[in-house]
Protein backbone atom coordinates (compact mmCIF):
# COMPACT_ATOMS: atom_id res chain seq x y z
CA MET A 1 -119.60 48.01 -10.08
CA SER A 2 -116.16 47.76 -8.69
CA VAL A 3 -112.77 48.79 -10.65
CA ASN A 4 -109.23 47.26 -10.27
CA ILE A 5 -106.72 49.36 -12.23
CA TYR A 6 -103.15 46.99 -12.81
CA ASP A 7 -99.81 48.45 -13.69
CA ARG A 8 -98.11 46.60 -16.22
CA LEU A 9 -96.87 44.09 -14.09
CA GLY A 10 -100.26 43.16 -12.94
CA ARG A 11 -100.24 44.65 -9.21
CA THR A 12 -103.21 46.71 -8.52
CA ILE A 13 -102.26 50.52 -8.56
CA ARG A 14 -105.89 51.43 -7.57
CA ARG A 15 -109.23 50.42 -6.15
CA SER A 16 -113.09 51.64 -6.51
CA ARG A 17 -116.00 50.95 -5.65
CA ASN A 18 -117.63 52.20 -8.96
CA LEU A 19 -116.16 53.69 -12.28
CA ARG A 20 -115.11 56.95 -10.48
CA GLY A 21 -111.43 55.25 -10.26
CA VAL A 22 -111.40 54.80 -14.14
CA LEU A 23 -112.13 58.42 -14.32
CA GLU A 24 -109.89 59.85 -11.88
CA HIS A 25 -107.05 57.45 -13.52
CA TYR A 26 -107.66 58.81 -16.79
CA ARG A 27 -107.26 62.60 -15.50
CA LYS A 28 -103.91 61.75 -14.13
CA HIS A 29 -102.92 60.04 -17.53
CA PRO A 30 -105.03 61.08 -20.07
CA ASP A 31 -103.23 58.78 -22.78
CA ASP A 32 -104.93 56.94 -25.44
CA MET A 33 -106.86 54.12 -24.30
CA THR A 34 -108.77 51.07 -25.66
CA VAL A 35 -111.88 49.55 -24.66
CA LYS A 36 -112.45 45.84 -24.83
CA VAL A 37 -116.03 44.18 -24.29
CA ARG A 38 -116.55 40.34 -23.61
CA PRO A 39 -119.70 38.71 -22.95
CA LEU A 40 -120.10 36.86 -19.73
CA PRO A 41 -122.36 34.40 -18.57
CA GLU A 42 -126.39 35.90 -17.41
CA HIS A 43 -125.77 38.67 -19.90
CA HIS A 44 -122.93 40.87 -18.17
CA TYR A 45 -119.98 42.20 -19.90
CA LYS A 46 -116.45 42.60 -19.00
CA VAL A 47 -115.24 46.01 -19.98
CA THR A 48 -111.41 46.25 -19.76
CA PHE A 49 -109.76 49.66 -20.36
CA TYR A 50 -106.14 49.63 -21.77
CA TRP A 51 -103.87 52.73 -21.35
CA PRO A 52 -101.03 50.71 -24.37
CA SER A 53 -98.72 53.37 -23.69
CA ARG A 54 -98.37 52.92 -19.90
CA GLY A 55 -99.24 49.05 -19.77
CA GLU A 56 -102.01 49.62 -17.63
CA SER A 57 -105.37 48.37 -17.66
CA GLY A 58 -108.73 48.23 -15.43
CA GLU A 59 -111.61 46.12 -15.59
CA SER A 60 -115.52 46.54 -14.58
CA ILE A 61 -118.40 44.26 -15.16
CA TRP A 62 -121.31 45.86 -17.10
CA ALA A 63 -125.09 44.88 -16.99
CA ASP A 64 -125.17 46.35 -20.97
CA TRP A 65 -123.23 47.15 -23.60
CA ARG A 66 -125.52 50.16 -24.65
CA VAL A 67 -124.86 51.73 -21.54
CA LEU A 68 -121.22 51.75 -21.76
CA LEU A 69 -121.46 53.03 -25.16
CA ASP A 70 -123.70 56.15 -23.69
CA TRP A 71 -121.19 56.34 -20.65
CA LEU A 72 -117.82 56.64 -23.27
CA ALA A 73 -119.98 58.93 -25.72
CA ALA A 74 -120.50 61.19 -22.54
CA ARG A 75 -116.73 61.39 -22.26
CA LYS A 76 -115.92 64.01 -24.50
CA SER A 77 -112.33 64.98 -23.90
CA TRP A 78 -111.52 61.33 -23.93
CA SER A 79 -108.81 60.08 -26.36
CA ILE A 80 -110.42 56.38 -27.23
CA ASN A 81 -108.36 54.68 -29.89
CA ARG A 82 -110.99 52.00 -30.52
CA VAL A 83 -113.78 49.62 -28.63
CA THR A 84 -113.20 46.10 -29.43
CA PHE A 85 -116.03 43.38 -29.39
CA ASP A 86 -115.87 39.96 -28.78
CA ALA A 87 -116.43 38.34 -32.51
CA PRO A 88 -119.53 36.80 -31.28
CA LEU A 89 -121.10 39.53 -29.45
CA TYR A 90 -120.30 42.03 -32.28
CA ASP A 91 -121.70 39.30 -35.01
CA SER A 92 -124.97 38.89 -32.68
CA ILE A 93 -125.55 43.03 -32.57
CA MET A 94 -125.02 43.38 -36.26
CA VAL A 95 -127.37 40.84 -37.17
CA GLU A 96 -130.07 42.13 -34.48
CA ASN A 97 -129.21 45.41 -35.79
CA PRO A 98 -126.98 46.83 -38.21
CA ASP A 99 -127.10 50.45 -37.18
CA ALA A 100 -126.41 49.59 -33.33
CA PHE A 101 -122.99 50.97 -33.40
CA GLU A 102 -123.42 53.97 -36.07
CA ALA A 103 -125.01 56.91 -33.90
CA PHE A 104 -121.78 56.14 -31.57
CA ARG A 105 -119.32 56.21 -34.31
CA LYS A 106 -121.08 59.61 -35.58
CA LYS A 107 -121.01 61.04 -32.01
CA THR A 108 -117.68 60.00 -31.13
CA CYS A 109 -115.45 59.20 -34.46
CA VAL A 110 -114.03 56.51 -32.43
CA TYR A 111 -114.09 52.82 -34.40
CA LEU A 112 -115.89 50.13 -32.82
CA THR A 113 -114.17 46.96 -34.23
CA ARG A 114 -114.80 42.99 -34.12
CA HIS A 115 -111.94 40.54 -32.22
CA ALA A 116 -111.84 36.93 -31.70
CA TYR A 117 -110.57 37.09 -28.24
CA GLN A 118 -108.86 33.48 -26.92
CA ASN A 119 -110.02 32.24 -23.29
């Protein structure tokens, strides 16, 4: 899983072959962040980390959204504003298991929201 982090003008400011790039960037800039999750073909998920106050973002591909939530929950010192899921993905998760997000909410107090993204 490679990660690229971009500044507000879209220039690459950090590259890494794994999530260490996101960890190091957050350590250097511990600002509130937003995480967005969108489904991709073949049951993968595009995850975008946003640092709104700095205008920076990082992108990565995940095989499972559950692993993402576990990884975020392990970042106890992080200030995560919210995690948003693409509307169809959020709806399908809620139909399959209405309590899927409740454990994450209780553990982290981070809001999980639904959003209709434009392509």
